[in-house]
């Protein structure tokens, strides 16, 4: 999508679809759906619309939102074609954006690592060395050599 024209088409589709979901699509299953990104193929024949659903707790809610978007796809595509004014209207595909879920999982992992680091720091305060405090070999002193002989 490096072509400036394709980027402009993608940005325009993003705005049109977001406005459609906000104002014209009256399906209650859509809920608080946000268009996060749109990717258009180089020939502008296919557009993939990435979305997130705010407050969706279960897979059933996400599935119902996907079904609602799929049922409204024809109407959305008609409006997109009318507002773009292009010869061929791109076909639309709605894909749930995985970035929020992945970032949530990453935050949970980082929080777990922070807790483990804090626990390790607490153990380190009262801990003792398993061997010498300084495990590295040092050059022998003259007194130590006399004790060995």
Protein backbone atom coordinates (compact mmCIF):
# COMPACT_ATOMS: atom_id res chain seq x y z
CA UNK A 1 0.00 0.00 0.00
CA UNK A 2 2.87 2.36 -0.75
CA UNK A 3 1.05 4.05 -3.59
CA UNK A 4 -0.25 7.47 -2.42
CA UNK A 5 -3.53 6.98 -4.29
CA UNK A 6 -4.15 3.65 -2.56
CA UNK A 7 -3.40 5.23 0.83
CA UNK A 8 -5.89 8.02 0.12
CA UNK A 9 -8.55 5.51 -0.88
CA UNK A 10 -7.91 3.50 2.30
CA UNK A 11 -8.14 6.61 4.49
CA UNK A 12 -11.35 7.68 2.77
CA UNK A 13 -12.89 4.21 3.20
CA UNK A 14 -11.96 4.27 6.89
CA UNK A 15 -13.78 7.57 7.41
CA UNK A 16 -16.84 6.50 5.40
CA UNK A 17 -17.21 3.15 7.17
CA UNK A 18 -16.73 4.74 10.61
CA UNK A 19 -19.45 7.27 9.85
CA UNK A 20 -21.72 4.54 8.54
CA UNK A 21 -21.31 2.46 11.68
CA UNK A 22 -21.95 5.49 13.85
CA UNK A 23 -24.96 6.98 12.05
CA UNK A 24 -26.63 4.70 9.52
CA UNK A 25 -26.24 1.10 10.66
CA UNK A 26 -28.88 0.57 13.34
CA UNK A 27 -28.06 -3.02 14.27
CA UNK A 28 -27.74 -3.22 18.09
CA UNK A 29 -25.29 -6.14 17.80
CA UNK A 30 -22.63 -3.78 16.47
CA UNK A 31 -22.32 -1.94 19.79
CA UNK A 32 -19.23 0.23 20.20
CA UNK A 33 -17.32 -0.83 17.11
CA UNK A 34 -14.29 1.20 16.09
CA UNK A 35 -12.58 1.03 12.71
CA UNK A 36 -8.86 0.83 13.48
CA UNK A 37 -7.33 0.38 10.03
CA UNK A 38 -8.16 -0.20 6.37
CA UNK A 39 -5.86 -1.91 3.92
CA UNK A 40 -6.58 -1.72 0.23
CA UNK A 41 -4.99 -3.93 -2.40
CA UNK A 42 -2.77 -2.29 -5.00
CA UNK A 43 -5.47 -2.50 -7.68
CA UNK A 44 -8.08 -1.11 -5.23
CA UNK A 45 -10.34 -4.11 -5.76
CA UNK A 46 -10.30 -5.42 -2.18
CA UNK A 47 -10.46 -3.52 1.07
CA UNK A 48 -9.84 -5.18 4.42
CA UNK A 49 -11.38 -3.27 7.31
CA UNK A 50 -9.94 -3.93 10.76
CA UNK A 51 -12.20 -3.21 13.72
CA UNK A 52 -12.31 -3.52 17.50
CA UNK A 53 -15.31 -3.82 19.78
CA UNK A 54 -15.20 -1.88 23.03
CA UNK A 55 -16.57 -3.74 26.01
CA UNK A 56 -17.00 -7.11 24.31
CA UNK A 57 -16.43 -9.63 27.09
CA UNK A 58 -17.19 -12.90 25.40
CA UNK A 59 -16.63 -14.63 22.11
CA UNK A 60 -20.41 -14.70 21.61
CA UNK A 61 -20.56 -10.89 21.58
CA UNK A 62 -17.65 -10.72 19.15
CA UNK A 63 -19.31 -13.30 16.91
CA UNK A 64 -22.60 -11.39 16.91
CA UNK A 65 -20.76 -8.18 16.01
CA UNK A 66 -19.01 -9.98 13.16
CA UNK A 67 -22.38 -11.31 11.95
CA UNK A 68 -23.90 -7.82 12.11
CA UNK A 69 -21.04 -6.32 10.11
CA UNK A 70 -21.32 -9.12 7.58
CA UNK A 71 -25.05 -8.50 7.16
CA UNK A 72 -24.52 -4.73 6.74
CA UNK A 73 -21.61 -5.18 4.32
CA UNK A 74 -23.76 -4.70 1.19
CA UNK A 75 -25.24 -1.43 2.35
CA UNK A 76 -21.83 -0.17 3.52
CA UNK A 77 -20.23 -1.13 0.19
CA UNK A 78 -22.96 0.72 -1.72
CA UNK A 79 -22.37 3.92 0.25
CA UNK A 80 -18.58 3.54 -0.04
CA UNK A 81 -18.90 3.19 -3.82
CA UNK A 82 -21.16 6.21 -4.07
CA UNK A 83 -18.90 8.43 -1.95
CA UNK A 84 -15.62 7.31 -3.51
CA UNK A 85 -16.80 7.95 -7.05
CA UNK A 86 -14.53 5.27 -8.49
CA UNK A 87 -15.32 3.11 -11.49
CA UNK A 88 -15.09 -0.10 -9.44
CA UNK A 89 -16.11 -0.28 -5.82
CA UNK A 90 -13.73 -2.42 -3.75
CA UNK A 91 -15.12 -5.52 -2.09
CA UNK A 92 -15.11 -5.22 1.68
CA UNK A 93 -13.89 -7.74 4.25
CA UNK A 94 -14.25 -7.10 7.98
CA UNK A 95 -11.50 -8.54 10.20
CA UNK A 96 -11.35 -8.21 13.98
CA UNK A 97 -8.15 -6.40 14.95
CA UNK A 98 -5.87 -8.60 17.06
CA UNK A 99 -3.64 -5.77 18.29
CA UNK A 100 -5.69 -4.84 21.41
CA UNK A 101 -5.86 -8.46 22.56
CA UNK A 102 -2.14 -8.98 21.94
CA UNK A 103 -1.26 -5.79 23.82
CA UNK A 104 -3.48 -6.85 26.73
CA UNK A 105 -1.68 -10.21 26.90
CA UNK A 106 1.69 -8.45 26.71
CA UNK A 107 0.71 -6.17 29.60
CA UNK A 108 -0.28 -9.19 31.68
CA UNK A 109 3.07 -10.85 30.97
CA UNK A 110 4.97 -7.67 31.89
CA UNK A 111 3.01 -7.37 35.13
CA UNK A 112 3.88 -10.97 35.97
CA UNK A 113 7.57 -10.26 35.30
CA UNK A 114 7.44 -7.16 37.53
CA UNK A 115 5.93 -9.24 40.35
CA UNK A 116 8.61 -11.91 39.97
CA UNK A 117 11.35 -9.26 39.96
CA UNK A 118 9.96 -7.75 43.17
CA UNK A 119 9.83 -11.19 44.79
CA UNK A 120 13.42 -11.87 43.75
CA UNK A 121 14.54 -8.52 45.18
CA UNK A 122 12.91 -9.41 48.50
CA UNK A 123 14.71 -12.76 48.60
CA UNK A 124 18.00 -11.10 47.76
CA UNK A 125 17.85 -8.85 50.85
CA UNK A 126 18.09 -11.71 53.37
CA UNK A 127 19.94 -14.14 51.13
CA UNK A 128 23.47 -15.41 51.61
CA UNK A 129 25.99 -16.49 49.01
CA UNK A 130 26.18 -20.20 48.23
CA UNK A 131 29.97 -20.04 48.26
CA UNK A 132 32.40 -17.21 48.81
CA UNK A 133 31.14 -13.68 48.43
CA UNK A 134 33.79 -13.15 45.77
CA UNK A 135 34.08 -16.36 43.72
CA UNK A 136 36.90 -15.18 41.45
CA UNK A 137 40.47 -16.42 41.85
CA UNK A 138 42.99 -13.88 43.03
CA UNK A 139 46.78 -13.87 42.76
CA UNK A 140 48.36 -15.68 45.66
CA UNK A 141 50.06 -13.62 48.37
CA UNK A 142 53.51 -14.48 49.71
CA UNK A 143 51.99 -15.55 53.03
CA UNK A 144 49.58 -17.92 51.32
CA UNK A 145 52.44 -19.54 49.40
CA UNK A 146 54.35 -20.07 52.68
CA UNK A 147 51.32 -21.80 54.21
CA UNK A 148 51.04 -24.17 51.25
CA UNK A 149 54.77 -25.22 51.36
